[in-house]
Amino acid sequence: MSNSKSFSAFLKKQACINQMPEFLSLGAYIKIARKRRFISAIQLANNAKINRSTLYFIENGHPGVSMFAYLSVFRELGFFEDILKLIENDVIGKKNYEMKVLVKQSIKEYKL
């Protein structure tokens, strides 16, 4: 019995070490969004087609959860379209791409 308790404590410690603050915040916001919609964890997990334990890991900021699980939860909470808009409006990526194109154009002009 004591071995199982010590192993359990070890796993909890490892989970805390592997957590990143960004995931903790994201999980907390997901949990708040779920509660604001008066959706139980079981309902959300079922609608998102994930296990209840997976939703628990998401809401507690464990970074090892699959992208599919996160996106399924976002879809069920109504955030999927917002995420697509964020990716579409990738300001940094667009600036980097434009700079690369300008550099290539200037190199071609210099060679002529």
N, C-alpha and C. Protein backbone atom coordinates (compact mmCIF):
# COMPACT_ATOMS: atom_id res chain seq x y z
N MET A 1 0.82 -1.20 0.00
CA MET A 1 0.00 0.00 0.00
C MET A 1 0.86 1.25 0.00
N SER A 2 1.93 1.25 0.78
CA SER A 2 2.78 2.43 0.84
C SER A 2 3.49 2.65 -0.49
N ASN A 3 3.80 1.55 -1.20
CA ASN A 3 4.43 1.70 -2.51
C ASN A 3 3.52 2.41 -3.49
N SER A 4 2.23 2.10 -3.47
CA SER A 4 1.31 2.75 -4.40
C SER A 4 1.15 4.23 -4.06
N LYS A 5 1.19 4.55 -2.76
CA LYS A 5 1.10 5.96 -2.37
C LYS A 5 2.35 6.73 -2.81
N SER A 6 3.51 6.13 -2.65
CA SER A 6 4.73 6.83 -3.04
C SER A 6 4.81 6.97 -4.56
N PHE A 7 4.36 5.95 -5.28
CA PHE A 7 4.33 6.04 -6.74
C PHE A 7 3.35 7.11 -7.19
N SER A 8 2.20 7.17 -6.53
CA SER A 8 1.20 8.18 -6.85
C SER A 8 1.76 9.58 -6.59
N ALA A 9 2.47 9.75 -5.48
CA ALA A 9 3.08 11.05 -5.17
C ALA A 9 4.13 11.40 -6.21
N PHE A 10 4.88 10.39 -6.66
CA PHE A 10 5.90 10.61 -7.69
C PHE A 10 5.26 11.11 -8.98
N LEU A 11 4.15 10.47 -9.39
CA LEU A 11 3.46 10.89 -10.61
C LEU A 11 2.94 12.32 -10.49
N LYS A 12 2.39 12.67 -9.34
CA LYS A 12 1.90 14.04 -9.15
C LYS A 12 3.04 15.04 -9.25
N LYS A 13 4.19 14.69 -8.66
CA LYS A 13 5.35 15.58 -8.70
C LYS A 13 5.83 15.75 -10.14
N GLN A 14 5.88 14.65 -10.90
CA GLN A 14 6.29 14.72 -12.30
C GLN A 14 5.33 15.58 -13.12
N ALA A 15 4.04 15.45 -12.84
CA ALA A 15 3.04 16.24 -13.56
C ALA A 15 3.26 17.72 -13.30
N CYS A 16 3.58 18.08 -12.08
CA CYS A 16 3.82 19.50 -11.75
C CYS A 16 5.08 20.02 -12.43
N ILE A 17 6.11 19.17 -12.52
CA ILE A 17 7.36 19.59 -13.16
C ILE A 17 7.13 19.85 -14.64
N ASN A 18 6.32 19.02 -15.27
CA ASN A 18 6.10 19.11 -16.72
C ASN A 18 5.11 20.21 -17.11
N GLN A 19 4.42 20.79 -16.16
CA GLN A 19 3.43 21.80 -16.51
C GLN A 19 4.11 23.12 -16.87
N MET A 20 3.51 23.81 -17.82
CA MET A 20 3.99 25.12 -18.22
C MET A 20 2.91 26.13 -17.89
N PRO A 21 3.29 27.33 -17.51
CA PRO A 21 2.28 28.32 -17.10
C PRO A 21 1.25 28.62 -18.17
N GLU A 22 1.64 28.56 -19.45
CA GLU A 22 0.69 28.83 -20.53
C GLU A 22 -0.43 27.81 -20.54
N PHE A 23 -0.07 26.55 -20.32
CA PHE A 23 -1.08 25.49 -20.30
C PHE A 23 -1.97 25.60 -19.07
N LEU A 24 -1.37 26.00 -17.94
CA LEU A 24 -2.18 26.18 -16.74
C LEU A 24 -3.23 27.26 -16.96
N SER A 25 -2.81 28.37 -17.56
CA SER A 25 -3.75 29.47 -17.83
C SER A 25 -4.81 29.05 -18.83
N LEU A 26 -4.40 28.39 -19.90
CA LEU A 26 -5.35 27.94 -20.91
C LEU A 26 -6.38 26.99 -20.30
N GLY A 27 -5.91 26.06 -19.50
CA GLY A 27 -6.82 25.13 -18.85
C GLY A 27 -7.80 25.82 -17.94
N ALA A 28 -7.32 26.81 -17.20
CA ALA A 28 -8.20 27.55 -16.28
C ALA A 28 -9.26 28.31 -17.07
N TYR A 29 -8.87 28.92 -18.19
CA TYR A 29 -9.84 29.65 -19.01
C TYR A 29 -10.88 28.72 -19.64
N ILE A 30 -10.43 27.54 -20.03
CA ILE A 30 -11.37 26.56 -20.59
C ILE A 30 -12.39 26.15 -19.53
N LYS A 31 -11.91 25.92 -18.33
CA LYS A 31 -12.80 25.53 -17.24
C LYS A 31 -13.80 26.64 -16.92
N ILE A 32 -13.33 27.87 -16.90
CA ILE A 32 -14.22 29.02 -16.65
C ILE A 32 -15.26 29.12 -17.76
N ALA A 33 -14.83 28.96 -19.01
CA ALA A 33 -15.77 29.04 -20.14
C ALA A 33 -16.83 27.95 -20.04
N ARG A 34 -16.41 26.76 -19.65
CA ARG A 34 -17.37 25.66 -19.49
C ARG A 34 -18.39 25.99 -18.40
N LYS A 35 -17.91 26.49 -17.29
CA LYS A 35 -18.81 26.79 -16.17
C LYS A 35 -19.74 27.96 -16.50
N ARG A 36 -19.26 28.95 -17.25
CA ARG A 36 -20.11 30.08 -17.64
C ARG A 36 -21.25 29.63 -18.54
N ARG A 37 -21.03 28.54 -19.25
CA ARG A 37 -22.07 28.00 -20.14
C ARG A 37 -22.95 26.98 -19.44
N PHE A 38 -22.69 26.76 -18.16
CA PHE A 38 -23.44 25.79 -17.35
C PHE A 38 -23.41 24.40 -17.96
N ILE A 39 -22.22 24.02 -18.43
CA ILE A 39 -22.02 22.69 -19.01
C ILE A 39 -21.20 21.88 -18.02
N SER A 40 -21.66 20.68 -17.71
CA SER A 40 -20.89 19.82 -16.81
C SER A 40 -19.68 19.27 -17.55
N ALA A 41 -18.70 18.85 -16.80
CA ALA A 41 -17.50 18.27 -17.40
C ALA A 41 -17.84 17.02 -18.19
N ILE A 42 -18.74 16.24 -17.68
CA ILE A 42 -19.14 15.01 -18.38
C ILE A 42 -19.82 15.35 -19.71
N GLN A 43 -20.70 16.36 -19.70
CA GLN A 43 -21.38 16.77 -20.93
C GLN A 43 -20.37 17.25 -21.97
N LEU A 44 -19.45 18.10 -21.54
CA LEU A 44 -18.47 18.64 -22.48
C LEU A 44 -17.59 17.53 -23.04
N ALA A 45 -17.15 16.64 -22.19
CA ALA A 45 -16.31 15.53 -22.65
C ALA A 45 -17.07 14.67 -23.65
N ASN A 46 -18.31 14.36 -23.36
CA ASN A 46 -19.11 13.55 -24.28
C ASN A 46 -19.33 14.26 -25.61
N ASN A 47 -19.68 15.53 -25.57
CA ASN A 47 -19.91 16.30 -26.80
C ASN A 47 -18.64 16.45 -27.62
N ALA A 48 -17.51 16.58 -26.94
CA ALA A 48 -16.23 16.73 -27.63
C ALA A 48 -15.65 15.38 -28.06
N LYS A 49 -16.32 14.30 -27.66
CA LYS A 49 -15.89 12.94 -28.00
C LYS A 49 -14.50 12.62 -27.45
N ILE A 50 -14.29 13.03 -26.18
CA ILE A 50 -13.06 12.71 -25.48
C ILE A 50 -13.43 12.11 -24.12
N ASN A 51 -12.47 11.49 -23.48
CA ASN A 51 -12.71 10.95 -22.15
C ASN A 51 -12.81 12.07 -21.12
N ARG A 52 -13.53 11.81 -20.07
CA ARG A 52 -13.63 12.78 -18.98
C ARG A 52 -12.25 13.06 -18.39
N SER A 53 -11.43 12.04 -18.30
CA SER A 53 -10.08 12.23 -17.75
C SER A 53 -9.24 13.14 -18.65
N THR A 54 -9.45 13.07 -19.96
CA THR A 54 -8.73 13.96 -20.88
C THR A 54 -9.14 15.40 -20.65
N LEU A 55 -10.44 15.63 -20.44
CA LEU A 55 -10.90 16.99 -20.13
C LEU A 55 -10.30 17.46 -18.82
N TYR A 56 -10.20 16.57 -17.85
CA TYR A 56 -9.58 16.91 -16.57
C TYR A 56 -8.14 17.38 -16.80
N PHE A 57 -7.39 16.63 -17.63
CA PHE A 57 -6.01 17.02 -17.92
C PHE A 57 -5.95 18.36 -18.64
N ILE A 58 -6.87 18.61 -19.55
CA ILE A 58 -6.91 19.90 -20.25
C ILE A 58 -7.14 21.03 -19.27
N GLU A 59 -8.15 20.87 -18.42
CA GLU A 59 -8.52 21.94 -17.49
C GLU A 59 -7.47 22.15 -16.40
N ASN A 60 -6.60 21.18 -16.20
CA ASN A 60 -5.56 21.31 -15.19
C ASN A 60 -4.18 21.59 -15.79
N GLY A 61 -4.16 21.88 -17.07
CA GLY A 61 -2.94 22.38 -17.71
C GLY A 61 -1.87 21.35 -18.01
N HIS A 62 -2.23 20.10 -18.18
CA HIS A 62 -1.23 19.10 -18.53
C HIS A 62 -0.92 19.23 -20.02
N PRO A 63 0.35 19.45 -20.37
CA PRO A 63 0.70 19.72 -21.77
C PRO A 63 0.72 18.51 -22.68
N GLY A 64 0.55 17.30 -22.17
CA GLY A 64 0.63 16.11 -22.99
C GLY A 64 -0.65 15.73 -23.71
N VAL A 65 -1.68 16.55 -23.60
CA VAL A 65 -2.96 16.25 -24.23
C VAL A 65 -2.87 16.56 -25.73
N SER A 66 -3.53 15.72 -26.53
CA SER A 66 -3.45 15.89 -27.99
C SER A 66 -4.13 17.17 -28.46
N MET A 67 -3.67 17.64 -29.60
CA MET A 67 -4.26 18.82 -30.22
C MET A 67 -5.71 18.56 -30.59
N PHE A 68 -6.02 17.33 -31.01
CA PHE A 68 -7.40 16.97 -31.35
C PHE A 68 -8.32 17.21 -30.16
N ALA A 69 -7.87 16.81 -28.97
CA ALA A 69 -8.70 16.97 -27.77
C ALA A 69 -8.94 18.45 -27.49
N TYR A 70 -7.89 19.27 -27.57
CA TYR A 70 -8.05 20.71 -27.34
C TYR A 70 -9.00 21.31 -28.37
N LEU A 71 -8.79 20.99 -29.64
CA LEU A 71 -9.64 21.57 -30.69
C LEU A 71 -11.08 21.10 -30.58
N SER A 72 -11.29 19.87 -30.15
CA SER A 72 -12.66 19.38 -29.94
C SER A 72 -13.35 20.16 -28.83
N VAL A 73 -12.63 20.44 -27.77
CA VAL A 73 -13.19 21.23 -26.67
C VAL A 73 -13.45 22.66 -27.13
N PHE A 74 -12.50 23.24 -27.87
CA PHE A 74 -12.71 24.60 -28.39
C PHE A 74 -13.95 24.66 -29.28
N ARG A 75 -14.12 23.64 -30.12
CA ARG A 75 -15.29 23.60 -31.00
C ARG A 75 -16.58 23.56 -30.19
N GLU A 76 -16.62 22.72 -29.18
CA GLU A 76 -17.83 22.59 -28.37
C GLU A 76 -18.13 23.85 -27.56
N LEU A 77 -17.11 24.60 -27.20
CA LEU A 77 -17.31 25.83 -26.44
C LEU A 77 -17.55 27.03 -27.36
N GLY A 78 -17.41 26.83 -28.67
CA GLY A 78 -17.67 27.91 -29.62
C GLY A 78 -16.47 28.78 -29.94
N PHE A 79 -15.25 28.28 -29.67
CA PHE A 79 -14.04 29.07 -29.90
C PHE A 79 -13.30 28.70 -31.18
N PHE A 80 -13.75 27.70 -31.88
CA PHE A 80 -13.00 27.20 -33.03
C PHE A 80 -12.84 28.28 -34.10
N GLU A 81 -13.91 28.98 -34.42
CA GLU A 81 -13.83 30.04 -35.44
C GLU A 81 -12.88 31.16 -35.02
N ASP A 82 -12.87 31.46 -33.72
CA ASP A 82 -11.96 32.50 -33.21
C ASP A 82 -10.50 32.08 -33.39
N ILE A 83 -10.22 30.82 -33.18
CA ILE A 83 -8.86 30.32 -33.35
C ILE A 83 -8.46 30.41 -34.81
N LEU A 84 -9.36 30.05 -35.70
CA LEU A 84 -9.06 30.16 -37.14
C LEU A 84 -8.77 31.61 -37.53
N LYS A 85 -9.52 32.56 -36.96
CA LYS A 85 -9.29 33.97 -37.25
C LYS A 85 -7.93 34.42 -36.74
N LEU A 86 -7.53 33.94 -35.57
CA LEU A 86 -6.21 34.29 -35.03
C LEU A 86 -5.10 33.80 -35.93
N ILE A 87 -5.24 32.57 -36.41
CA ILE A 87 -4.21 32.01 -37.28
C ILE A 87 -4.19 32.74 -38.62
N GLU A 88 -5.36 33.07 -39.13
CA GLU A 88 -5.46 33.78 -40.41
C GLU A 88 -4.80 35.16 -40.32
N ASN A 89 -4.95 35.82 -39.19
CA ASN A 89 -4.41 37.16 -39.00
C ASN A 89 -3.03 37.12 -38.36
N ASP A 90 -2.21 36.17 -38.75
CA ASP A 90 -0.87 35.98 -38.20
C ASP A 90 0.03 37.13 -38.62
N VAL A 91 0.06 38.17 -37.82
CA VAL A 91 0.80 39.39 -38.16
C VAL A 91 2.30 39.11 -38.26
N ILE A 92 2.85 38.41 -37.31
CA ILE A 92 4.29 38.14 -37.32
C ILE A 92 4.67 37.28 -38.52
N GLY A 93 3.89 36.24 -38.77
CA GLY A 93 4.17 35.37 -39.91
C GLY A 93 4.10 36.12 -41.23
N LYS A 94 3.09 36.99 -41.36
CA LYS A 94 2.95 37.76 -42.60
C LYS A 94 4.14 38.71 -42.79
N LYS A 95 4.57 39.36 -41.72
CA LYS A 95 5.73 40.27 -41.81
C LYS A 95 6.98 39.50 -42.20
N ASN A 96 7.20 38.33 -41.59
CA ASN A 96 8.38 37.52 -41.92
C ASN A 96 8.35 37.09 -43.38
N TYR A 97 7.19 36.68 -43.85
CA TYR A 97 7.05 36.25 -45.24
C TYR A 97 7.31 37.41 -46.19
N GLU A 98 6.74 38.57 -45.89
CA GLU A 98 6.93 39.74 -46.75
C GLU A 98 8.40 40.15 -46.80
N MET A 99 9.08 40.07 -45.65
CA MET A 99 10.51 40.40 -45.63
C MET A 99 11.31 39.43 -46.49
N LYS A 100 10.97 38.15 -46.42
CA LYS A 100 11.67 37.14 -47.21
C LYS A 100 11.47 37.40 -48.70
N VAL A 101 10.24 37.75 -49.09
CA VAL A 101 9.95 38.05 -50.49
C VAL A 101 10.73 39.28 -50.94
N LEU A 102 10.77 40.31 -50.10
CA LEU A 102 11.51 41.53 -50.45
C LEU A 102 13.00 41.25 -50.60
N VAL A 103 13.55 40.43 -49.73
CA VAL A 103 14.97 40.09 -49.81
C VAL A 103 15.25 39.33 -51.10
N LYS A 104 14.38 38.36 -51.45
CA LYS A 104 14.57 37.61 -52.70
C LYS A 104 14.49 38.53 -53.90
N GLN A 105 13.56 39.47 -53.89
CA GLN A 105 13.41 40.41 -55.01
C GLN A 105 14.64 41.29 -55.14
N SER A 106 15.13 41.77 -54.02
CA SER A 106 16.32 42.64 -54.08
C SER A 106 17.55 41.88 -54.54
N ILE A 107 17.65 40.60 -54.18
CA ILE A 107 18.80 39.79 -54.64
C ILE A 107 18.70 39.60 -56.13
N LYS A 108 17.49 39.33 -56.66
CA LYS A 108 17.32 39.16 -58.12
C LYS A 108 17.67 40.45 -58.85
N GLU A 109 17.24 41.59 -58.31
CA GLU A 109 17.53 42.87 -58.95
C GLU A 109 19.01 43.19 -58.92
N TYR A 110 19.67 42.83 -57.85
CA TYR A 110 21.11 43.10 -57.72
C TYR A 110 21.91 42.27 -58.70
N LYS A 111 21.47 41.02 -58.94
CA LYS A 111 22.18 40.15 -59.88
C LYS A 111 22.04 40.60 -61.32
N LEU A 112 20.93 41.30 -61.63
CA LEU A 112 20.73 41.78 -63.02
C LEU A 112 21.62 42.92 -63.25
